[in-house]
C-alpha atoms as a PDB file:
ATOM      1  CA  MET A   1      30.444 152.080 131.628  1.00  0.00           C
ATOM      2  CA  ARG A   2      30.336 152.142 127.616  1.00  0.00           C
ATOM      3  CA  LYS A   3      30.668 149.355 125.628  1.00  0.00           C
ATOM      4  CA  PHE A   4      31.970 149.119 122.209  1.00  0.00           C
ATOM      5  CA  LEU A   5      31.491 146.792 119.184  1.00  0.00           C
ATOM      6  CA  VAL A   6      34.380 144.755 118.282  1.00  0.00           C
ATOM      7  CA  CYS A   7      35.318 142.106 115.609  1.00  0.00           C
ATOM      8  CA  PRO A   8      35.724 138.614 116.661  1.00  0.00           C
ATOM      9  CA  VAL A   9      38.654 138.289 114.057  1.00  0.00           C
ATOM     10  CA  CYS A  10      41.191 141.204 114.569  1.00  0.00           C
ATOM     11  CA  TYR A  11      39.785 142.435 118.070  1.00  0.00           C
ATOM     12  CA  SER A  12      39.424 145.982 116.040  1.00  0.00           C
ATOM     13  CA  LYS A  13      36.839 148.445 117.252  1.00  0.00           C
ATOM     14  CA  ASN A  14      36.131 149.877 113.907  1.00  0.00           C
ATOM     15  CA  VAL A  15      33.177 147.710 112.996  1.00  0.00           C
ATOM     16  CA  GLU A  16      29.891 149.499 111.847  1.00  0.00           C
ATOM     17  CA  LEU A  17      26.201 147.865 111.267  1.00  0.00           C
ATOM     18  CA  GLU A  18      26.349 146.374 107.608  1.00  0.00           C
ATOM     19  CA  ALA A  19      22.707 145.590 107.408  1.00  0.00           C
ATOM     20  CA  GLY A  20      19.771 146.050 109.998  1.00  0.00           C
ATOM     21  CA  GLY A  21      16.634 143.927 111.001  1.00  0.00           C
ATOM     22  CA  VAL A  22      16.811 140.370 112.949  1.00  0.00           C
ATOM     23  CA  SER A  23      19.828 138.973 111.553  1.00  0.00           C
ATOM     24  CA  GLY A  24      21.697 141.847 111.708  1.00  0.00           C
ATOM     25  CA  LYS A  25      25.136 141.703 109.990  1.00  0.00           C
ATOM     26  CA  PHE A  26      28.212 143.904 110.771  1.00  0.00           C
ATOM     27  CA  GLN A  27      31.184 144.537 108.930  1.00  0.00           C
ATOM     28  CA  CYS A  28      35.034 145.170 110.127  1.00  0.00           C
ATOM     29  CA  LYS A  29      36.533 148.190 108.271  1.00  0.00           C
ATOM     30  CA  ASP A  30      40.166 146.767 109.249  1.00  0.00           C
ATOM     31  CA  CYS A  31      39.918 142.991 108.285  1.00  0.00           C
ATOM     32  CA  GLY A  32      36.858 142.912 106.136  1.00  0.00           C
ATOM     33  CA  TYR A  33      35.175 140.444 108.594  1.00  0.00           C
ATOM     34  CA  VAL A  34      31.451 140.455 107.747  1.00  0.00           C
ATOM     35  CA  GLY A  35      28.986 138.567 110.164  1.00  0.00           C
ATOM     36  CA  SER A  36      26.089 138.706 112.360  1.00  0.00           C
ATOM     37  CA  PHE A  37      28.482 137.654 115.655  1.00  0.00           C
ATOM     38  CA  ILE A  38      30.122 140.556 117.390  1.00  0.00           C
ATOM     39  CA  LEU A  39      32.114 141.193 120.505  1.00  0.00           C
ATOM     40  CA  GLU A  40      31.034 143.545 123.062  1.00  0.00           C
ATOM     41  CA  MET A  41      33.151 144.810 125.749  1.00  0.00           C
ATOM     42  CA  THR A  42      34.069 148.030 127.854  1.00  0.00           C
ATOM     43  CA  GLU A  43      37.353 149.633 127.078  1.00  0.00           C
ATOM     44  CA  GLY A  44      39.218 148.034 129.991  1.00  0.00           C
ATOM     45  CA  GLU A  45      38.265 143.877 128.326  1.00  0.00           C
ATOM     46  CA  HIS A  46      39.390 145.095 125.115  1.00  0.00           C
ATOM     47  CA  ALA A  47      42.658 146.653 127.047  1.00  0.00           C
ATOM     48  CA  GLU A  48      43.058 142.862 128.368  1.00  0.00           C
ATOM     49  CA  VAL A  49      42.260 141.114 125.215  1.00  0.00           C
ATOM     50  CA  LEU A  50      44.780 143.174 123.126  1.00  0.00           C
ATOM     51  CA  LYS A  51      47.275 142.422 125.760  1.00  0.00           C
ATOM     52  CA  ALA A  52      46.398 139.117 125.672  1.00  0.00           C
ATOM     53  CA  LYS A  53      46.444 138.628 122.043  1.00  0.00           C
ATOM     54  CA  GLU A  54      50.143 140.569 122.151  1.00  0.00           C
ATOM     55  CA  LYS A  55      51.769 138.280 124.458  1.00  0.00           C
ATOM     56  CA  THR A  56      50.269 134.854 122.691  1.00  0.00           C
ATOM     57  CA  TYR A  57      52.127 136.659 119.528  1.00  0.00           C
ATOM     58  CA  GLU A  58      55.206 137.284 121.376  1.00  0.00           C
ATOM     59  CA  GLU A  59      55.345 133.653 122.845  1.00  0.00           C
ATOM     60  CA  LYS A  60      54.984 132.187 119.283  1.00  0.00           C
ATOM     61  CA  LYS A  61      57.913 134.294 117.822  1.00  0.00           C
ATOM     62  CA  PRO A  62      61.169 132.012 116.762  1.00  0.00           C
END
């Protein structure tokens, strides 16, 4: 089961390692997030997170 790096802000998989080393900084190419905290999840977990995010967004619509 392959795991992907996922942005903790926008949940995009478009994340790259910006600076290696001990701290390791990642950059999201979609929202611009830069930091050492990054999510790692499988394709199934990512789909569940996106579905929950969409549901939350729909519930907040007027």
